[in-house]
Protein backbone atom coordinates (compact mmCIF):
# COMPACT_ATOMS: atom_id res chain seq x y z
CA MET A 1 -3.58 -4.47 -3.80
CA SER A 2 -7.23 -3.92 -2.79
CA PRO A 3 -9.22 -6.66 -1.11
CA SER A 4 -10.90 -9.19 -3.41
CA ILE A 5 -14.71 -9.11 -3.69
CA LEU A 6 -17.11 -12.03 -3.69
CA ASP A 7 -20.59 -11.75 -5.01
CA LEU A 8 -22.55 -14.81 -3.86
CA THR A 9 -26.05 -15.79 -4.93
CA LEU A 10 -28.02 -18.57 -3.37
CA ASN A 11 -30.51 -20.36 -5.64
CA PRO A 12 -33.00 -23.19 -4.72
CA ASN A 13 -30.57 -25.92 -5.89
CA THR A 14 -27.32 -24.05 -6.78
CA VAL A 15 -24.93 -21.44 -5.50
CA GLU A 16 -23.05 -18.85 -7.85
CA LEU A 17 -19.86 -17.23 -6.95
CA LYS A 18 -18.31 -14.32 -8.79
CA ILE A 19 -14.96 -13.31 -7.44
CA ARG A 20 -13.15 -10.12 -8.27
CA PHE A 21 -9.43 -10.55 -7.83
CA SER A 22 -5.99 -10.47 -9.23
CA VAL A 23 -5.56 -13.77 -11.08
CA GLU A 24 -1.85 -13.00 -11.63
CA ALA A 25 -1.21 -12.68 -7.83
CA MET A 26 -2.77 -16.13 -7.36
CA LEU A 27 -0.85 -17.75 -10.27
CA ALA A 28 2.42 -16.22 -9.03
CA GLU A 29 1.61 -17.37 -5.41
CA VAL A 30 2.04 -13.96 -3.94
CA ASP A 31 1.29 -14.21 -0.26
CA LEU A 32 -1.22 -11.30 0.25
CA SER A 33 -1.54 -12.16 3.98
CA GLU A 34 1.95 -10.77 4.46
CA ILE A 35 2.07 -7.82 2.03
CA SER A 36 -0.29 -5.64 0.22
CA ASP A 37 2.36 -4.22 -2.33
CA THR A 38 3.28 -7.00 -4.72
CA ASN A 39 6.62 -5.44 -5.38
CA LEU A 40 7.59 -6.52 -1.82
CA SER A 41 6.95 -10.21 -2.66
CA LYS A 42 9.70 -12.63 -3.43
CA ASN A 43 7.52 -13.74 -6.33
CA ALA A 44 7.33 -10.11 -7.75
CA GLU A 45 9.19 -10.95 -10.95
CA LYS A 46 6.80 -13.77 -11.74
CA TYR A 47 3.74 -11.51 -11.04
CA ASP A 48 5.12 -8.84 -13.30
CA GLU A 49 5.73 -11.24 -16.11
CA LEU A 50 2.21 -12.62 -15.67
CA ARG A 51 0.71 -9.09 -15.99
CA GLY A 52 2.22 -8.87 -19.57
CA LEU A 53 0.46 -12.01 -20.79
CA THR A 54 -2.75 -11.82 -22.90
CA PRO A 55 -6.13 -12.84 -21.61
CA GLU A 56 -6.05 -16.09 -23.61
CA GLN A 57 -2.56 -17.13 -22.05
CA ILE A 58 -3.85 -16.23 -18.50
CA LYS A 59 -6.98 -18.28 -19.02
CA LYS A 60 -5.06 -21.36 -20.26
CA ILE A 61 -2.62 -21.22 -17.35
CA PHE A 62 -5.38 -20.75 -14.78
CA LYS A 63 -7.60 -23.45 -16.04
CA TYR A 64 -4.55 -25.95 -16.09
CA LYS A 65 -3.91 -25.09 -12.44
CA TRP A 66 -7.42 -24.83 -11.25
CA PRO A 67 -7.35 -28.27 -9.54
CA ASP A 68 -4.52 -26.84 -7.36
CA PHE A 69 -6.29 -23.60 -6.45
CA GLU A 70 -9.70 -25.31 -5.86
CA LYS A 71 -8.87 -26.20 -2.44
CA TYR A 72 -8.09 -22.56 -1.50
CA ILE A 73 -11.69 -21.60 -1.84
CA SER A 74 -14.16 -23.15 0.60
CA LEU A 75 -18.04 -23.22 0.82
CA ASN A 76 -19.68 -25.35 3.45
CA GLN A 77 -23.31 -26.20 4.14
CA SER A 78 -24.27 -28.19 7.29
CA GLY A 79 -20.59 -28.97 7.92
CA ARG A 80 -20.26 -30.46 4.50
CA GLY A 81 -18.07 -29.02 1.76
CA ILE A 82 -19.63 -27.89 -1.56
CA LYS A 83 -17.74 -28.77 -4.59
CA LEU A 84 -17.29 -25.58 -6.66
CA ASN A 85 -17.11 -26.12 -10.36
CA TYR A 86 -14.99 -23.76 -12.55
CA GLN A 87 -17.31 -21.97 -15.05
CA GLU A 88 -15.31 -19.00 -16.54
CA LEU A 89 -12.62 -16.65 -16.10
CA THR A 90 -12.59 -13.14 -17.63
CA VAL A 91 -9.46 -11.27 -17.96
CA PRO A 92 -9.01 -7.68 -19.34
CA GLY A 93 -6.51 -7.00 -22.08
CA VAL A 94 -3.10 -5.95 -21.27
CA GLY A 95 -3.07 -2.25 -20.12
CA ASN A 96 -0.91 -0.29 -17.78
CA THR A 97 1.14 -3.05 -16.19
CA GLU A 98 2.09 -0.85 -13.34
CA LEU A 99 -1.58 -1.17 -12.24
CA THR A 100 -3.40 -4.22 -10.75
CA ARG A 101 -5.40 -6.12 -13.56
CA ILE A 102 -8.73 -7.06 -12.13
CA SER A 103 -10.25 -10.33 -13.32
CA TYR A 104 -13.42 -12.18 -12.45
CA LEU A 105 -13.80 -15.77 -11.55
CA PHE A 106 -17.18 -17.47 -11.93
CA LEU A 107 -17.93 -20.66 -9.98
CA GLU A 108 -20.95 -22.81 -9.38
CA GLY A 109 -21.88 -25.46 -6.84
CA LYS A 110 -24.79 -27.70 -6.12
CA LEU A 111 -26.66 -27.45 -2.87
CA GLN A 112 -28.21 -30.33 -0.95
CA ASN A 113 -30.85 -28.23 1.00
CA ASN A 114 -31.86 -24.80 1.95
CA GLU A 115 -29.55 -24.59 5.05
CA PRO A 116 -27.27 -21.47 5.25
CA VAL A 117 -23.81 -21.71 3.90
CA VAL A 118 -20.45 -20.26 5.15
CA PHE A 119 -17.51 -19.15 2.92
CA SER A 120 -13.69 -18.86 3.48
CA TRP A 121 -10.68 -18.81 1.46
CA ASN A 122 -6.91 -19.21 2.14
CA SER A 123 -5.26 -16.38 4.01
CA LYS A 124 -2.55 -16.17 1.34
CA LEU A 125 -5.07 -14.83 -1.03
CA GLY A 126 -5.46 -11.76 1.13
CA PRO A 127 -8.59 -10.09 2.50
CA ILE A 128 -11.95 -10.36 0.77
CA VAL A 129 -15.36 -8.75 1.02
CA VAL A 130 -18.34 -11.03 0.93
CA ARG A 131 -21.49 -9.65 -0.52
CA GLN A 132 -24.70 -11.73 -0.92
CA LEU A 133 -26.83 -10.79 -3.92
CA GLY A 134 -30.46 -11.50 -4.59
CA VAL A 135 -32.06 -10.83 -1.23
CA GLU A 136 -32.95 -7.68 0.59
CA ASN A 137 -30.88 -8.20 3.70
CA GLY A 138 -27.97 -10.10 2.20
CA LEU A 139 -24.73 -10.51 4.17
CA THR A 140 -21.94 -7.97 3.63
CA GLN A 141 -18.77 -8.90 5.51
CA PHE A 142 -15.00 -8.24 5.44
CA LEU A 143 -12.83 -11.29 5.93
CA ALA A 144 -9.16 -11.23 6.75
CA ASP A 145 -6.52 -13.70 7.57
CA GLY A 146 -8.48 -16.70 6.42
CA ASP A 147 -11.56 -15.82 8.55
CA VAL A 148 -14.78 -17.86 8.10
CA SER A 149 -17.96 -15.80 7.10
CA ASP A 150 -21.09 -15.57 9.19
CA LEU A 151 -23.97 -17.84 8.21
CA ILE A 152 -25.34 -16.80 4.80
CA PHE A 153 -29.16 -17.55 4.68
CA PHE A 154 -31.23 -17.96 1.63
CA GLU A 155 -33.74 -15.26 2.65
CA GLY A 156 -31.01 -12.90 3.99
CA SER A 157 -30.44 -12.23 7.67
CA LEU A 158 -30.32 -9.46 10.15
CA GLN A 159 -28.71 -11.70 12.65
CA LYS A 160 -25.61 -9.52 12.41
CA ASN A 161 -26.65 -6.62 14.58
CA LYS A 162 -25.59 -3.01 14.21
CA ILE A 163 -23.00 -3.17 16.97
CA ILE A 164 -21.10 -6.04 15.35
CA THR A 165 -21.20 -4.33 11.94
CA PHE A 166 -19.90 -1.16 13.63
CA LEU A 167 -17.06 -3.18 15.17
CA ASP A 168 -16.32 -5.00 12.00
CA TYR A 169 -15.77 -1.82 10.07
CA ILE A 170 -13.57 -0.21 12.73
CA PHE A 171 -11.09 -2.88 11.77
CA VAL A 172 -11.49 -2.05 8.07
CA GLY A 173 -10.95 1.62 8.64
CA PHE A 174 -7.92 1.01 10.88
CA GLU A 175 -6.36 -1.40 8.43
CA HIS A 176 -6.73 1.27 5.67
CA ILE A 177 -4.48 3.50 7.74
CA ILE A 178 -2.09 0.87 9.33
CA PRO A 179 -0.62 -0.79 7.42
CA LYS A 180 -2.10 -0.02 4.03
CA GLY A 181 -2.61 3.84 4.10
CA TRP A 182 0.90 5.09 3.60
CA ASP A 183 -0.10 8.29 1.95
CA HIS A 184 -2.48 9.10 4.79
CA ILE A 185 0.34 8.07 7.33
CA VAL A 186 2.76 10.35 5.65
CA PHE A 187 0.28 13.36 5.62
CA VAL A 188 -0.47 12.82 9.36
CA LEU A 189 3.22 12.75 10.03
CA GLY A 190 3.52 15.88 8.28
CA LEU A 191 0.99 17.48 10.57
CA PHE A 192 2.81 16.19 13.54
CA PHE A 193 6.19 17.60 12.57
CA PHE A 194 4.90 21.17 12.10
CA SER A 195 4.63 21.15 15.81
CA SER A 196 4.61 18.34 18.28
CA LYS A 197 3.07 20.73 20.90
CA PHE A 198 -0.37 19.54 22.02
CA LYS A 199 -2.52 22.56 21.08
CA PRO A 200 -1.45 22.99 17.32
CA LEU A 201 -1.48 19.28 16.88
CA ILE A 202 -5.04 18.93 18.16
CA TRP A 203 -6.28 21.86 15.93
CA GLN A 204 -4.79 20.20 12.90
CA ILE A 205 -5.86 16.74 13.46
CA SER A 206 -9.52 17.87 14.36
CA THR A 207 -9.74 20.13 11.34
CA PHE A 208 -8.39 17.25 9.12
CA THR A 209 -10.93 14.65 10.78
CA LEU A 210 -13.80 16.95 10.29
CA ALA A 211 -13.16 17.51 6.63
CA HIS A 212 -12.52 13.86 5.70
CA THR A 213 -15.60 12.83 7.73
CA ILE A 214 -17.76 15.14 5.45
CA THR A 215 -16.55 13.92 2.07
CA LEU A 216 -16.36 10.26 3.18
CA ALA A 217 -20.05 10.43 4.04
CA LEU A 218 -21.06 12.36 0.89
CA GLY A 219 -18.90 10.06 -1.23
CA SER A 220 -20.29 6.91 0.25
CA LEU A 221 -23.82 8.15 -0.07
CA GLY A 222 -23.32 8.81 -3.72
CA TYR A 223 -23.61 12.70 -3.62
CA ILE A 224 -20.04 13.21 -4.87
CA ARG A 225 -18.70 11.43 -7.93
CA ILE A 226 -15.13 10.06 -7.03
CA VAL A 227 -12.50 10.21 -9.77
CA PRO A 228 -9.50 8.30 -8.35
CA GLU A 229 -7.23 9.39 -11.28
CA LEU A 230 -7.79 13.06 -10.02
CA VAL A 231 -8.05 12.43 -6.32
CA GLU A 232 -4.98 10.29 -5.75
CA PRO A 233 -2.45 12.69 -7.42
CA LEU A 234 -4.01 15.55 -5.35
CA ILE A 235 -3.63 13.61 -2.19
CA ALA A 236 0.09 13.13 -2.99
CA LEU A 237 0.29 16.93 -3.71
CA SER A 238 -1.13 17.75 -0.34
CA ILE A 239 1.75 15.92 1.28
CA VAL A 240 4.22 18.10 -0.74
CA PHE A 241 2.41 21.33 0.36
CA ILE A 242 2.28 20.34 4.03
CA SER A 243 5.99 19.50 4.09
CA PHE A 244 6.79 22.85 2.33
CA GLU A 245 4.98 24.68 5.04
CA ASN A 246 6.76 22.85 7.72
CA ILE A 247 10.11 23.87 6.39
CA PHE A 248 9.27 27.48 5.49
CA THR A 249 6.64 28.66 7.91
CA LYS A 250 7.57 29.15 11.61
CA ASN A 251 4.18 30.16 13.05
CA PHE A 252 0.81 28.60 12.96
CA SER A 253 -0.91 30.92 10.47
CA ARG A 254 -4.63 31.55 10.44
CA TRP A 255 -4.78 30.00 6.94
CA ARG A 256 -3.31 26.63 7.79
CA PRO A 257 -6.62 25.23 9.30
CA LEU A 258 -8.34 26.13 5.98
CA VAL A 259 -5.58 24.47 3.95
CA ILE A 260 -5.73 21.36 6.13
CA PHE A 261 -9.52 21.28 5.89
CA THR A 262 -9.19 21.45 2.12
CA PHE A 263 -6.85 18.59 2.08
CA GLY A 264 -9.03 16.70 4.55
CA LEU A 265 -11.73 16.88 1.91
CA LEU A 266 -9.45 15.19 -0.67
CA HIS A 267 -8.29 12.50 1.84
CA GLY A 268 -12.07 11.77 2.68
CA LEU A 269 -12.80 11.13 -1.06
CA GLY A 270 -9.90 8.64 -1.07
CA PHE A 271 -11.50 6.86 2.00
CA ALA A 272 -14.81 6.90 0.22
CA SER A 273 -13.40 5.21 -2.94
CA VAL A 274 -12.22 2.28 -0.60
CA LEU A 275 -15.70 1.89 0.86
CA GLY A 276 -17.20 2.11 -2.66
CA GLU A 277 -15.10 -0.99 -3.60
CA PHE A 278 -16.40 -2.73 -0.53
CA GLY A 279 -20.14 -2.02 -1.03
CA LEU A 280 -21.60 -0.89 2.34
CA PRO A 281 -24.39 -3.07 3.65
CA THR A 282 -27.55 -1.16 2.99
CA GLU A 283 -29.38 -2.24 6.09
CA PHE A 284 -26.41 -1.24 8.29
CA PHE A 285 -25.01 1.55 6.20
CA ILE A 286 -24.68 4.09 9.15
CA PRO A 287 -23.09 1.71 11.59
CA ALA A 288 -20.63 0.52 8.93
CA LEU A 289 -19.82 4.12 7.86
CA LEU A 290 -19.31 5.33 11.47
CA GLY A 291 -17.26 2.20 12.21
CA PHE A 292 -14.98 2.73 9.15
CA ASN A 293 -14.42 6.44 10.21
CA VAL A 294 -13.75 5.62 13.88
CA GLY A 295 -11.18 2.98 12.63
CA VAL A 296 -9.58 5.69 10.50
CA GLU A 297 -9.35 7.98 13.50
CA PHE A 298 -7.78 5.24 15.74
CA GLY A 299 -5.26 4.71 12.88
CA GLN A 300 -4.33 8.25 12.69
CA LEU A 301 -4.13 8.74 16.49
CA THR A 302 -1.83 5.62 16.61
CA VAL A 303 0.54 7.25 14.10
CA VAL A 304 0.59 10.48 16.16
CA LEU A 305 1.15 8.52 19.42
CA LEU A 306 3.94 6.42 17.98
CA ALA A 307 5.61 9.60 16.61
CA PHE A 308 5.40 11.27 19.90
CA ILE A 309 6.74 8.39 21.81
CA LEU A 310 9.71 7.79 19.42
CA LEU A 311 10.61 11.43 18.89
CA GLY A 312 8.33 14.07 20.31
CA TYR A 313 8.62 13.07 23.96
CA TRP A 314 12.37 12.87 23.92
CA PHE A 315 13.34 15.80 21.59
CA ASN A 316 10.59 18.38 21.13
CA GLN A 317 11.92 20.55 24.05
CA LYS A 318 15.42 20.61 22.58
CA ASN A 319 16.67 23.64 20.74
CA TYR A 320 17.78 21.58 17.82
CA TYR A 321 14.43 19.80 17.31
CA THR A 322 12.95 21.92 14.58
CA SER A 323 16.18 22.39 12.48
CA SER A 324 17.69 18.94 12.96
CA ILE A 325 14.71 16.60 13.22
CA ALA A 326 11.35 18.21 12.19
CA GLN A 327 12.56 20.02 9.20
CA PRO A 328 14.87 17.21 7.70
CA ILE A 329 12.10 14.67 8.15
CA SER A 330 9.47 17.05 6.62
CA ALA A 331 11.82 17.40 3.51
CA ILE A 332 11.86 13.64 3.16
CA ILE A 333 8.03 13.58 3.47
CA GLY A 334 7.84 16.16 0.70
CA LEU A 335 10.09 14.20 -1.51
CA VAL A 336 7.95 11.05 -0.97
CA GLY A 337 4.83 13.10 -1.81
CA ALA A 338 6.45 14.47 -4.98
CA PHE A 339 7.42 10.98 -6.09
CA TRP A 340 3.78 9.66 -5.57
CA PHE A 341 2.46 12.72 -7.34
CA ILE A 342 4.53 12.08 -10.49
CA GLU A 343 3.88 8.34 -10.32
CA ARG A 344 0.11 8.78 -10.07
CA LEU A 345 0.18 11.08 -13.00
CA ILE A 346 2.09 8.72 -15.31
C-alpha cells in the first residue's frame, strides 16, 4: 500500500478535497497504521472480496457507510470543525485484483472566514501526503500516525522552512527502507553477505549510494521517464544476480562495483517513483530531495548495522561463516528475488 494523497483547494467560501486512496481498505477496516501489506491484515479476506466488486457496488456500500467514515477525516478552522460533505466517489473497473485499486473521494466544506485550516485523519487509514493546490507556495506535507498538518493558508505559506522540510523527508526516506522497502533491504543484505569485512562493504554501499542518488535526482526532476512495470521486475532480478555472485564468486572482482552501480541506478528509479507519487514541494524541492536521500541512506546503514550486530560481529571470523551462514542466506535471498521477479511479471 502506498500512502494516500490529499489534494486540497481553498476557495473564498469553500474548501475542496480530493483524496486518492484505497476505498476497499477503508471498507474492510484494514488498519494501515500497523501494516502496509494488506495480506497481513486480519481483514485480508474481506479486502480481497471487495476488490472483486464492480464500481457501482463499491459506491453503493461506501455511500451507505459514509456517516461512519466521516469522523475519520478532520478539517478544522480556528479550532472549529468543518463539516465535509460527500460529493462523489470514482472507482476504476475491476482489473488485476492482485494490485491495489486506486479510487478518488471528493468532499466539500463551507468556510466561515479566511483563517488557515488544518487537516488530519485517523491513523488507521495509514499515512497521507497533503498537497495544497491553487497557490504558488501551497503546503506539501507527509503525515503519518494520525499527525495533524501544519497551518494551510489561503495565499500559501513559506512558514515551513527548508530545514524542517529536509527533516520531514528524512523520515519519508527512512520509512521507505524500514519497514516498507523489503526489496531494497534484501538487496543491501545481499551486499553485506558477500563480505562482512569493512573495506569491501564500504565500496559496495558507496557505489550503490552514488548510483541511486543519480537516478533518484534525474527521475524526480523529470529527466528520466519511470516505467514501474519494467523497473520493479529488474530490481527483483538484481537481487537474484547479487545472491548468485555471493555463492559462486570468492573474490571481490573488478566488475562487481560496475554491476552494483548499474543495479543502484535501477533502485534509484524505484525511489524516484515513490517521490513522484508524493509530489515534491516546488519551493523546497532540493531540501526535500536531499532529505529523502539521507533517509534512505540511514535506512540502508541501519540494515547493515543490524546484520553486523546479529551475525557479522559474532561469526565473520569463523572458518564456517561463508559456507554455513553467508552462502545459505544468500541462496534464500536469491529465491526471494526470483519469486518477486516472477510475481512482478505476472
